[in-house]
Amino acid sequence: MSTSLSEGLPESLKSLRTRSLFLLREQVPPLLVVGQTPNAFRRVGLVQGGSFEGERLSGEVVNGNDWQSVRPTPASSWTCVWCCAPTMEP
């Protein structure tokens, strides 16, 4: 028996449309390679700055980190933490 993923959803979710919030540009020197661990090959990006710009949200990336865990399966992960300063419009 086959059922549609949208079955049972409210009408408002069946016609949901999305758009980008902003474009992010990071200043990241070459990645720090941690190397192979028992679970994944790990790399870290030390974000030294950047910017984000969009129709509804813009500002400066102060700093941050990107942690990458590359696995031999499709289950690789990327965790990002940024300190951002939005541009305040009057």
PDB file of N, CA and C in Angstrom:
ATOM      1  N   MET A   1       0.845  -1.179   0.000  1.00  0.00           N
ATOM      2  CA  MET A   1       0.000   0.000   0.000  1.00  0.00           C
ATOM      3  C   MET A   1       0.890   1.242   0.000  1.00  0.00           C
ATOM      4  N   SER A   2       0.659   2.167  -0.885  1.00  0.00           N
ATOM      5  CA  SER A   2       1.441   3.387  -1.004  1.00  0.00           C
ATOM      6  C   SER A   2       0.632   4.582  -0.499  1.00  0.00           C
ATOM      7  N   THR A   3       1.253   5.386   0.368  1.00  0.00           N
ATOM      8  CA  THR A   3       0.583   6.596   0.837  1.00  0.00           C
ATOM      9  C   THR A   3       1.450   7.799   0.516  1.00  0.00           C
ATOM     10  N   SER A   4       0.813   8.898   0.205  1.00  0.00           N
ATOM     11  CA  SER A   4       1.509  10.132  -0.118  1.00  0.00           C
ATOM     12  C   SER A   4       2.053  10.764   1.162  1.00  0.00           C
ATOM     13  N   LEU A   5       3.239  11.368   1.073  1.00  0.00           N
ATOM     14  CA  LEU A   5       3.817  12.055   2.235  1.00  0.00           C
ATOM     15  C   LEU A   5       2.982  13.249   2.661  1.00  0.00           C
ATOM     16  N   SER A   6       2.249  13.838   1.726  1.00  0.00           N
ATOM     17  CA  SER A   6       1.456  15.020   2.063  1.00  0.00           C
ATOM     18  C   SER A   6       0.073  14.672   2.616  1.00  0.00           C
ATOM     19  N   GLU A   7      -0.248  13.401   2.624  1.00  0.00           N
ATOM     20  CA  GLU A   7      -1.557  12.993   3.138  1.00  0.00           C
ATOM     21  C   GLU A   7      -1.667  13.362   4.623  1.00  0.00           C
ATOM     22  N   GLY A   8      -2.734  14.021   4.994  1.00  0.00           N
ATOM     23  CA  GLY A   8      -2.936  14.401   6.382  1.00  0.00           C
ATOM     24  C   GLY A   8      -2.372  15.768   6.752  1.00  0.00           C
ATOM     25  N   LEU A   9      -1.629  16.404   5.843  1.00  0.00           N
ATOM     26  CA  LEU A   9      -1.101  17.741   6.122  1.00  0.00           C
ATOM     27  C   LEU A   9      -2.173  18.798   5.903  1.00  0.00           C
ATOM     28  N   PRO A  10      -2.129  19.895   6.666  1.00  0.00           N
ATOM     29  CA  PRO A  10      -3.055  21.006   6.390  1.00  0.00           C
ATOM     30  C   PRO A  10      -2.775  21.578   5.001  1.00  0.00           C
ATOM     31  N   GLU A  11      -3.776  22.152   4.371  1.00  0.00           N
ATOM     32  CA  GLU A  11      -3.626  22.718   3.028  1.00  0.00           C
ATOM     33  C   GLU A  11      -2.498  23.747   2.957  1.00  0.00           C
ATOM     34  N   SER A  12      -2.339  24.549   4.011  1.00  0.00           N
ATOM     35  CA  SER A  12      -1.297  25.580   4.000  1.00  0.00           C
ATOM     36  C   SER A  12       0.101  24.972   3.877  1.00  0.00           C
ATOM     37  N   LEU A  13       0.325  23.776   4.395  1.00  0.00           N
ATOM     38  CA  LEU A  13       1.638  23.130   4.280  1.00  0.00           C
ATOM     39  C   LEU A  13       1.809  22.407   2.950  1.00  0.00           C
ATOM     40  N   LYS A  14       0.715  22.004   2.322  1.00  0.00           N
ATOM     41  CA  LYS A  14       0.811  21.326   1.033  1.00  0.00           C
ATOM     42  C   LYS A  14       1.271  22.268  -0.074  1.00  0.00           C
ATOM     43  N   SER A  15       1.021  23.555   0.090  1.00  0.00           N
ATOM     44  CA  SER A  15       1.415  24.525  -0.935  1.00  0.00           C
ATOM     45  C   SER A  15       2.509  25.468  -0.427  1.00  0.00           C
ATOM     46  N   LEU A  16       3.309  25.021   0.506  1.00  0.00           N
ATOM     47  CA  LEU A  16       4.364  25.833   1.105  1.00  0.00           C
ATOM     48  C   LEU A  16       5.408  26.230   0.065  1.00  0.00           C
ATOM     49  N   ARG A  17       5.750  27.502   0.034  1.00  0.00           N
ATOM     50  CA  ARG A  17       6.787  28.023  -0.872  1.00  0.00           C
ATOM     51  C   ARG A  17       7.876  28.646  -0.010  1.00  0.00           C
ATOM     52  N   THR A  18       9.125  28.489  -0.427  1.00  0.00           N
ATOM     53  CA  THR A  18      10.240  29.032   0.339  1.00  0.00           C
ATOM     54  C   THR A  18      11.072  29.970  -0.532  1.00  0.00           C
ATOM     55  N   ARG A  19      11.914  30.780   0.120  1.00  0.00           N
ATOM     56  CA  ARG A  19      12.878  31.624  -0.574  1.00  0.00           C
ATOM     57  C   ARG A  19      14.081  31.788   0.344  1.00  0.00           C
ATOM     58  N   SER A  20      15.205  32.115  -0.234  1.00  0.00           N
ATOM     59  CA  SER A  20      16.442  32.261   0.533  1.00  0.00           C
ATOM     60  C   SER A  20      16.325  33.423   1.505  1.00  0.00           C
ATOM     61  N   LEU A  21      16.898  33.244   2.699  1.00  0.00           N
ATOM     62  CA  LEU A  21      16.910  34.315   3.685  1.00  0.00           C
ATOM     63  C   LEU A  21      18.079  35.255   3.432  1.00  0.00           C
ATOM     64  N   PHE A  22      19.273  34.688   3.130  1.00  0.00           N
ATOM     65  CA  PHE A  22      20.444  35.512   2.838  1.00  0.00           C
ATOM     66  C   PHE A  22      21.515  34.676   2.157  1.00  0.00           C
ATOM     67  N   LEU A  23      22.497  35.369   1.576  1.00  0.00           N
ATOM     68  CA  LEU A  23      23.690  34.752   1.011  1.00  0.00           C
ATOM     69  C   LEU A  23      24.816  34.984   2.012  1.00  0.00           C
ATOM     70  N   LEU A  24      25.520  33.927   2.386  1.00  0.00           N
ATOM     71  CA  LEU A  24      26.582  33.989   3.383  1.00  0.00           C
ATOM     72  C   LEU A  24      27.942  33.878   2.702  1.00  0.00           C
ATOM     73  N   ARG A  25      28.841  34.788   3.064  1.00  0.00           N
ATOM     74  CA  ARG A  25      30.228  34.727   2.589  1.00  0.00           C
ATOM     75  C   ARG A  25      31.129  34.685   3.817  1.00  0.00           C
ATOM     76  N   GLU A  26      31.920  33.628   3.944  1.00  0.00           N
ATOM     77  CA  GLU A  26      32.826  33.461   5.087  1.00  0.00           C
ATOM     78  C   GLU A  26      34.265  33.667   4.649  1.00  0.00           C
ATOM     79  N   GLN A  27      35.068  34.215   5.553  1.00  0.00           N
ATOM     80  CA  GLN A  27      36.511  34.285   5.356  1.00  0.00           C
ATOM     81  C   GLN A  27      37.108  33.156   6.191  1.00  0.00           C
ATOM     82  N   VAL A  28      37.563  32.102   5.495  1.00  0.00           N
ATOM     83  CA  VAL A  28      38.074  30.918   6.183  1.00  0.00           C
ATOM     84  C   VAL A  28      39.441  30.558   5.602  1.00  0.00           C
ATOM     85  N   PRO A  29      40.488  30.553   6.436  1.00  0.00           N
ATOM     86  CA  PRO A  29      41.790  30.093   5.948  1.00  0.00           C
ATOM     87  C   PRO A  29      41.720  28.589   5.686  1.00  0.00           C
ATOM     88  N   PRO A  30      42.781  27.983   5.174  1.00  0.00           N
ATOM     89  CA  PRO A  30      42.734  26.531   4.936  1.00  0.00           C
ATOM     90  C   PRO A  30      42.260  25.778   6.178  1.00  0.00           C
ATOM     91  N   LEU A  31      41.506  24.719   5.931  1.00  0.00           N
ATOM     92  CA  LEU A  31      40.933  23.933   7.029  1.00  0.00           C
ATOM     93  C   LEU A  31      42.015  23.317   7.904  1.00  0.00           C
ATOM     94  N   LEU A  32      41.726  23.236   9.187  1.00  0.00           N
ATOM     95  CA  LEU A  32      42.571  22.515  10.140  1.00  0.00           C
ATOM     96  C   LEU A  32      42.146  21.055  10.072  1.00  0.00           C
ATOM     97  N   VAL A  33      43.036  20.179   9.645  1.00  0.00           N
ATOM     98  CA  VAL A  33      42.704  18.768   9.516  1.00  0.00           C
ATOM     99  C   VAL A  33      43.019  18.076  10.827  1.00  0.00           C
ATOM    100  N   VAL A  34      41.979  17.618  11.504  1.00  0.00           N
ATOM    101  CA  VAL A  34      42.143  16.877  12.749  1.00  0.00           C
ATOM    102  C   VAL A  34      42.580  15.455  12.413  1.00  0.00           C
ATOM    103  N   GLY A  35      41.969  14.874  11.371  1.00  0.00           N
ATOM    104  CA  GLY A  35      42.346  13.552  10.909  1.00  0.00           C
ATOM    105  C   GLY A  35      41.286  12.511  11.220  1.00  0.00           C
ATOM    106  N   GLN A  36      41.685  11.275  11.008  1.00  0.00           N
ATOM    107  CA  GLN A  36      40.761  10.159  11.192  1.00  0.00           C
ATOM    108  C   GLN A  36      40.538   9.885  12.674  1.00  0.00           C
ATOM    109  N   THR A  37      39.297   9.725  13.047  1.00  0.00           N
ATOM    110  CA  THR A  37      38.915   9.305  14.393  1.00  0.00           C
ATOM    111  C   THR A  37      38.150   7.994  14.229  1.00  0.00           C
ATOM    112  N   PRO A  38      37.784   7.332  15.312  1.00  0.00           N
ATOM    113  CA  PRO A  38      37.059   6.067  15.151  1.00  0.00           C
ATOM    114  C   PRO A  38      35.751   6.193  14.361  1.00  0.00           C
ATOM    115  N   ASN A  39      35.117   7.365  14.384  1.00  0.00           N
ATOM    116  CA  ASN A  39      33.822   7.507  13.724  1.00  0.00           C
ATOM    117  C   ASN A  39      33.836   8.270  12.411  1.00  0.00           C
ATOM    118  N   ALA A  40      34.841   9.136  12.195  1.00  0.00           N
ATOM    119  CA  ALA A  40      34.824   9.978  10.994  1.00  0.00           C
ATOM    120  C   ALA A  40      36.183  10.643  10.796  1.00  0.00           C
ATOM    121  N   PHE A  41      36.377  11.181   9.582  1.00  0.00           N
ATOM    122  CA  PHE A  41      37.526  12.028   9.285  1.00  0.00           C
ATOM    123  C   PHE A  41      37.088  13.445   9.605  1.00  0.00           C
ATOM    124  N   ARG A  42      37.811  14.127  10.477  1.00  0.00           N
ATOM    125  CA  ARG A  42      37.345  15.421  10.982  1.00  0.00           C
ATOM    126  C   ARG A  42      38.233  16.571  10.509  1.00  0.00           C
ATOM    127  N   ARG A  43      37.528  17.690  10.169  1.00  0.00           N
ATOM    128  CA  ARG A  43      38.185  18.943   9.774  1.00  0.00           C
ATOM    129  C   ARG A  43      37.469  20.086  10.463  1.00  0.00           C
ATOM    130  N   VAL A  44      38.227  21.176  10.709  1.00  0.00           N
ATOM    131  CA  VAL A  44      37.642  22.351  11.355  1.00  0.00           C
ATOM    132  C   VAL A  44      38.008  23.584  10.541  1.00  0.00           C
ATOM    133  N   GLY A  45      37.017  24.424  10.275  1.00  0.00           N
ATOM    134  CA  GLY A  45      37.246  25.716   9.629  1.00  0.00           C
ATOM    135  C   GLY A  45      37.090  26.809  10.663  1.00  0.00           C
ATOM    136  N   LEU A  46      38.106  27.649  10.809  1.00  0.00           N
ATOM    137  CA  LEU A  46      38.054  28.760  11.764  1.00  0.00           C
ATOM    138  C   LEU A  46      37.625  30.011  11.016  1.00  0.00           C
ATOM    139  N   VAL A  47      36.372  30.393  11.179  1.00  0.00           N
ATOM    140  CA  VAL A  47      35.810  31.531  10.449  1.00  0.00           C
ATOM    141  C   VAL A  47      36.352  32.821  11.050  1.00  0.00           C
ATOM    142  N   GLN A  48      37.019  33.625  10.223  1.00  0.00           N
ATOM    143  CA  GLN A  48      37.639  34.858  10.695  1.00  0.00           C
ATOM    144  C   GLN A  48      36.824  36.097  10.376  1.00  0.00           C
ATOM    145  N   GLY A  49      35.691  35.931   9.754  1.00  0.00           N
ATOM    146  CA  GLY A  49      34.837  37.058   9.417  1.00  0.00           C
ATOM    147  C   GLY A  49      34.016  36.751   8.193  1.00  0.00           C
ATOM    148  N   GLY A  50      33.304  37.748   7.726  1.00  0.00           N
ATOM    149  CA  GLY A  50      32.497  37.573   6.528  1.00  0.00           C
ATOM    150  C   GLY A  50      31.280  38.473   6.561  1.00  0.00           C
ATOM    151  N   SER A  51      30.319  38.129   5.725  1.00  0.00           N
ATOM    152  CA  SER A  51      29.100  38.932   5.651  1.00  0.00           C
ATOM    153  C   SER A  51      27.939  38.042   5.238  1.00  0.00           C
ATOM    154  N   PHE A  52      26.744  38.521   5.536  1.00  0.00           N
ATOM    155  CA  PHE A  52      25.534  37.878   5.028  1.00  0.00           C
ATOM    156  C   PHE A  52      24.618  38.983   4.540  1.00  0.00           C
ATOM    157  N   GLU A  53      23.978  38.727   3.388  1.00  0.00           N
ATOM    158  CA  GLU A  53      23.174  39.772   2.772  1.00  0.00           C
ATOM    159  C   GLU A  53      21.944  39.158   2.131  1.00  0.00           C
ATOM    160  N   GLY A  54      20.803  39.725   2.467  1.00  0.00           N
ATOM    161  CA  GLY A  54      19.553  39.258   1.897  1.00  0.00           C
ATOM    162  C   GLY A  54      18.523  40.364   1.881  1.00  0.00           C
ATOM    163  N   GLU A  55      17.400  40.055   1.298  1.00  0.00           N
ATOM    164  CA  GLU A  55      16.317  41.019   1.188  1.00  0.00           C
ATOM    165  C   GLU A  55      15.769  41.396   2.563  1.00  0.00           C
ATOM    166  N   ARG A  56      15.767  40.432   3.486  1.00  0.00           N
ATOM    167  CA  ARG A  56      15.157  40.659   4.797  1.00  0.00           C
ATOM    168  C   ARG A  56      16.147  40.644   5.959  1.00  0.00           C
ATOM    169  N   LEU A  57      17.391  40.222   5.719  1.00  0.00           N
ATOM    170  CA  LEU A  57      18.366  40.119   6.804  1.00  0.00           C
ATOM    171  C   LEU A  57      19.770  40.262   6.245  1.00  0.00           C
ATOM    172  N   SER A  58      20.572  41.177   6.814  1.00  0.00           N
ATOM    173  CA  SER A  58      21.947  41.414   6.374  1.00  0.00           C
ATOM    174  C   SER A  58      22.801  41.751   7.575  1.00  0.00           C
ATOM    175  N   GLY A  59      24.127  41.627   7.412  1.00  0.00           N
ATOM    176  CA  GLY A  59      25.025  42.004   8.480  1.00  0.00           C
ATOM    177  C   GLY A  59      26.413  41.436   8.296  1.00  0.00           C
ATOM    178  N   GLU A  60      27.149  41.393   9.397  1.00  0.00           N
ATOM    179  CA  GLU A  60      28.548  40.984   9.412  1.00  0.00           C
ATOM    180  C   GLU A  60      28.697  39.681  10.199  1.00  0.00           C
ATOM    181  N   VAL A  61      29.535  38.777   9.680  1.00  0.00           N
ATOM    182  CA  VAL A  61      29.932  37.593  10.436  1.00  0.00           C
ATOM    183  C   VAL A  61      31.190  37.986  11.203  1.00  0.00           C
ATOM    184  N   VAL A  62      31.120  37.989  12.534  1.00  0.00           N
ATOM    185  CA  VAL A  62      32.249  38.415  13.357  1.00  0.00           C
ATOM    186  C   VAL A  62      33.291  37.307  13.414  1.00  0.00           C
ATOM    187  N   ASN A  63      32.873  36.098  13.754  1.00  0.00           N
ATOM    188  CA  ASN A  63      33.758  34.932  13.772  1.00  0.00           C
ATOM    189  C   ASN A  63      32.912  33.679  13.927  1.00  0.00           C
ATOM    190  N   GLY A  64      33.561  32.526  13.968  1.00  0.00           N
ATOM    191  CA  GLY A  64      32.819  31.287  14.135  1.00  0.00           C
ATOM    192  C   GLY A  64      33.665  30.082  13.806  1.00  0.00           C
ATOM    193  N   ASN A  65      33.023  28.924  13.796  1.00  0.00           N
ATOM    194  CA  ASN A  65      33.682  27.657  13.487  1.00  0.00           C
ATOM    195  C   ASN A  65      32.760  26.790  12.647  1.00  0.00           C
ATOM    196  N   ASP A  66      33.360  26.039  11.739  1.00  0.00           N
ATOM    197  CA  ASP A  66      32.651  25.021  10.957  1.00  0.00           C
ATOM    198  C   ASP A  66      33.316  23.681  11.261  1.00  0.00           C
ATOM    199  N   TRP A  67      32.574  22.750  11.826  1.00  0.00           N
ATOM    200  CA  TRP A  67      33.102  21.418  12.127  1.00  0.00           C
ATOM    201  C   TRP A  67      32.559  20.445  11.097  1.00  0.00           C
ATOM    202  N   GLN A  68      33.464  19.705  10.446  1.00  0.00           N
ATOM    203  CA  GLN A  68      33.072  18.742   9.422  1.00  0.00           C
ATOM    204  C   GLN A  68      33.452  17.340   9.867  1.00  0.00           C
ATOM    205  N   SER A  69      32.508  16.420   9.754  1.00  0.00           N
ATOM    206  CA  SER A  69      32.749  15.009  10.032  1.00  0.00           C
ATOM    207  C   SER A  69      32.415  14.244   8.760  1.00  0.00           C
ATOM    208  N   VAL A  70      33.452  13.760   8.079  1.00  0.00           N
ATOM    209  CA  VAL A  70      33.267  13.071   6.806  1.00  0.00           C
ATOM    210  C   VAL A  70      33.332  11.568   7.057  1.00  0.00           C
ATOM    211  N   ARG A  71      32.249  10.895   6.711  1.00  0.00           N
ATOM    212  CA  ARG A  71      32.152   9.451   6.917  1.00  0.00           C
ATOM    213  C   ARG A  71      32.099   8.748   5.560  1.00  0.00           C
ATOM    214  N   PRO A  72      32.430   7.458   5.533  1.00  0.00           N
ATOM    215  CA  PRO A  72      32.373   6.734   4.254  1.00  0.00           C
ATOM    216  C   PRO A  72      30.941   6.447   3.793  1.00  0.00           C
ATOM    217  N   THR A  73      29.967   6.812   4.592  1.00  0.00           N
ATOM    218  CA  THR A  73      28.555   6.629   4.241  1.00  0.00           C
ATOM    219  C   THR A  73      27.965   8.001   3.902  1.00  0.00           C
ATOM    220  N   PRO A  74      26.737   8.065   3.419  1.00  0.00           N
ATOM    221  CA  PRO A  74      26.116   9.365   3.150  1.00  0.00           C
ATOM    222  C   PRO A  74      25.775  10.154   4.415  1.00  0.00           C
ATOM    223  N   ALA A  75      26.170   9.682   5.581  1.00  0.00           N
ATOM    224  CA  ALA A  75      25.793  10.323   6.848  1.00  0.00           C
ATOM    225  C   ALA A  75      26.837  11.316   7.356  1.00  0.00           C
ATOM    226  N   SER A  76      27.581  11.966   6.472  1.00  0.00           N
ATOM    227  CA  SER A  76      28.534  12.987   6.903  1.00  0.00           C
ATOM    228  C   SER A  76      27.779  14.167   7.501  1.00  0.00           C
ATOM    229  N   SER A  77      28.469  14.952   8.363  1.00  0.00           N
ATOM    230  CA  SER A  77      27.790  16.086   8.988  1.00  0.00           C
ATOM    231  C   SER A  77      28.659  17.337   8.945  1.00  0.00           C
ATOM    232  N   TRP A  78      28.000  18.469   9.070  1.00  0.00           N
ATOM    233  CA  TRP A  78      28.656  19.773   9.048  1.00  0.00           C
ATOM    234  C   TRP A  78      27.930  20.624  10.070  1.00  0.00           C
ATOM    235  N   THR A  79      28.645  21.039  11.112  1.00  0.00           N
ATOM    236  CA  THR A  79      28.065  21.864  12.162  1.00  0.00           C
ATOM    237  C   THR A  79      28.725  23.234  12.117  1.00  0.00           C
ATOM    238  N   CYS A  80      27.912  24.278  12.068  1.00  0.00           N
ATOM    239  CA  CYS A  80      28.426  25.644  11.962  1.00  0.00           C
ATOM    240  C   CYS A  80      27.899  26.485  13.115  1.00  0.00           C
ATOM    241  N   VAL A  81      28.793  27.270  13.697  1.00  0.00           N
ATOM    242  CA  VAL A  81      28.411  28.227  14.734  1.00  0.00           C
ATOM    243  C   VAL A  81      29.060  29.553  14.366  1.00  0.00           C
ATOM    244  N   TRP A  82      28.235  30.584  14.180  1.00  0.00           N
ATOM    245  CA  TRP A  82      28.741  31.895  13.792  1.00  0.00           C
ATOM    246  C   TRP A  82      28.277  32.938  14.792  1.00  0.00           C
ATOM    247  N   CYS A  83      29.126  33.904  15.061  1.00  0.00           N
ATOM    248  CA  CYS A  83      28.737  35.087  15.818  1.00  0.00           C
ATOM    249  C   CYS A  83      28.468  36.170  14.769  1.00  0.00           C
ATOM    250  N   CYS A  84      27.216  36.600  14.677  1.00  0.00           N
ATOM    251  CA  CYS A  84      26.812  37.539  13.630  1.00  0.00           C
ATOM    252  C   CYS A  84      26.284  38.832  14.225  1.00  0.00           C
ATOM    253  N   ALA A  85      26.548  39.928  13.540  1.00  0.00           N
ATOM    254  CA  ALA A  85      26.046  41.246  13.934  1.00  0.00           C
ATOM    255  C   ALA A  85      25.155  41.757  12.816  1.00  0.00           C
ATOM    256  N   PRO A  86      23.833  41.708  12.990  1.00  0.00           N
ATOM    257  CA  PRO A  86      22.946  42.178  11.928  1.00  0.00           C
ATOM    258  C   PRO A  86      23.029  43.690  11.750  1.00  0.00           C
ATOM    259  N   THR A  87      22.799  44.126  10.536  1.00  0.00           N
ATOM    260  CA  THR A  87      22.730  45.564  10.240  1.00  0.00           C
ATOM    261  C   THR A  87      21.366  46.058  10.698  1.00  0.00           C
ATOM    262  N   MET A  88      21.385  47.095  11.511  1.00  0.00           N
ATOM    263  CA  MET A  88      20.122  47.630  12.046  1.00  0.00           C
ATOM    264  C   MET A  88      19.703  48.827  11.214  1.00  0.00           C
ATOM    265  N   GLU A  89      18.536  48.739  10.625  1.00  0.00           N
ATOM    266  CA  GLU A  89      17.976  49.832   9.837  1.00  0.00           C
ATOM    267  C   GLU A  89      17.185  50.755  10.769  1.00  0.00           C
ATOM    268  N   PRO A  90      17.255  52.094  10.575  1.00  0.00           N
ATOM    269  CA  PRO A  90      16.475  53.001  11.432  1.00  0.00           C
ATOM    270  C   PRO A  90      14.987  52.884  11.189  1.00  0.00           C
TER     271      PRO A  90
END
